[in-house]
Protein backbone atom coordinates (compact mmCIF):
# COMPACT_ATOMS: atom_id res chain seq x y z
CA UNK A 1 171.47 -100.63 -55.01
CA UNK A 2 171.32 -101.62 -51.38
CA UNK A 3 168.23 -101.38 -49.28
CA UNK A 4 167.97 -98.13 -47.32
CA UNK A 5 167.42 -98.50 -43.61
CA UNK A 6 164.79 -96.38 -41.99
CA UNK A 7 166.15 -94.40 -39.10
CA UNK A 8 164.24 -95.04 -35.91
CA UNK A 9 163.35 -91.98 -33.94
CA UNK A 10 161.83 -91.46 -30.58
CA UNK A 11 159.06 -89.04 -29.89
CA UNK A 12 160.08 -85.62 -31.15
CA UNK A 13 159.61 -82.23 -29.58
CA UNK A 14 160.42 -78.69 -30.58
CA UNK A 15 162.83 -76.24 -29.00
CA UNK A 16 162.46 -72.57 -29.84
CA UNK A 17 165.31 -70.20 -29.05
CA UNK A 18 165.89 -66.53 -29.66
CA UNK A 19 169.31 -65.43 -30.86
CA UNK A 20 170.61 -62.25 -32.39
CA UNK A 21 170.67 -61.96 -36.17
CA UNK A 22 174.47 -62.07 -36.02
CA UNK A 23 174.45 -65.38 -34.11
CA UNK A 24 171.98 -66.85 -36.60
CA UNK A 25 174.12 -65.77 -39.57
CA UNK A 26 177.22 -67.32 -37.99
CA UNK A 27 175.35 -70.53 -37.14
CA UNK A 28 174.13 -70.72 -40.76
CA UNK A 29 177.69 -70.16 -42.01
CA UNK A 30 179.09 -72.89 -39.76
CA UNK A 31 176.28 -75.28 -40.67
CA UNK A 32 176.86 -74.70 -44.38
CA UNK A 33 180.67 -74.91 -44.31
CA UNK A 34 180.76 -77.97 -42.00
CA UNK A 35 178.32 -79.99 -44.10
CA UNK A 36 175.27 -79.89 -41.84
CA UNK A 37 171.85 -80.06 -43.49
CA UNK A 38 170.71 -76.91 -41.71
CA UNK A 39 171.10 -75.00 -38.44
CA UNK A 40 168.81 -77.48 -36.64
CA UNK A 41 171.11 -80.34 -37.61
CA UNK A 42 174.08 -78.32 -36.32
CA UNK A 43 172.36 -77.58 -33.00
CA UNK A 44 171.33 -81.24 -32.55
CA UNK A 45 174.97 -82.24 -33.09
CA UNK A 46 176.12 -79.68 -30.51
CA UNK A 47 173.65 -81.12 -28.00
CA UNK A 48 174.78 -84.71 -28.72
CA UNK A 49 178.44 -83.71 -28.29
CA UNK A 50 177.67 -81.91 -25.04
CA UNK A 51 175.72 -84.91 -23.70
CA UNK A 52 178.60 -87.23 -24.65
CA UNK A 53 181.07 -84.95 -22.85
CA UNK A 54 178.84 -84.99 -19.75
CA UNK A 55 178.33 -88.76 -19.89
CA UNK A 56 174.61 -88.43 -20.64
CA UNK A 57 173.25 -91.35 -22.65
CA UNK A 58 169.93 -91.14 -24.44
CA UNK A 59 168.83 -94.34 -26.12
CA UNK A 60 165.42 -94.69 -27.71
CA UNK A 61 165.26 -98.44 -27.05
CA UNK A 62 165.96 -97.99 -23.32
CA UNK A 63 163.33 -95.26 -23.03
CA UNK A 64 160.70 -97.43 -24.76
CA UNK A 65 161.48 -100.39 -22.47
CA UNK A 66 161.13 -98.19 -19.39
CA UNK A 67 157.83 -96.78 -20.65
CA UNK A 68 156.46 -100.29 -21.28
CA UNK A 69 157.31 -101.46 -17.74
């Protein structure tokens, strides 16, 4: 078997949101049927897609280089 690469991550933070029970059930349904690990994975993907659409680029390496300077 091939060697598994560790995924590099930047500093993490939490986002808490309140939604109705109906919205949560639908988000869980979409996450499950679309192959996401969980609702958090689905929401992260939505954010990434929105950022891409807006031309926002977040790169861990660039952020670390800026912090070091």
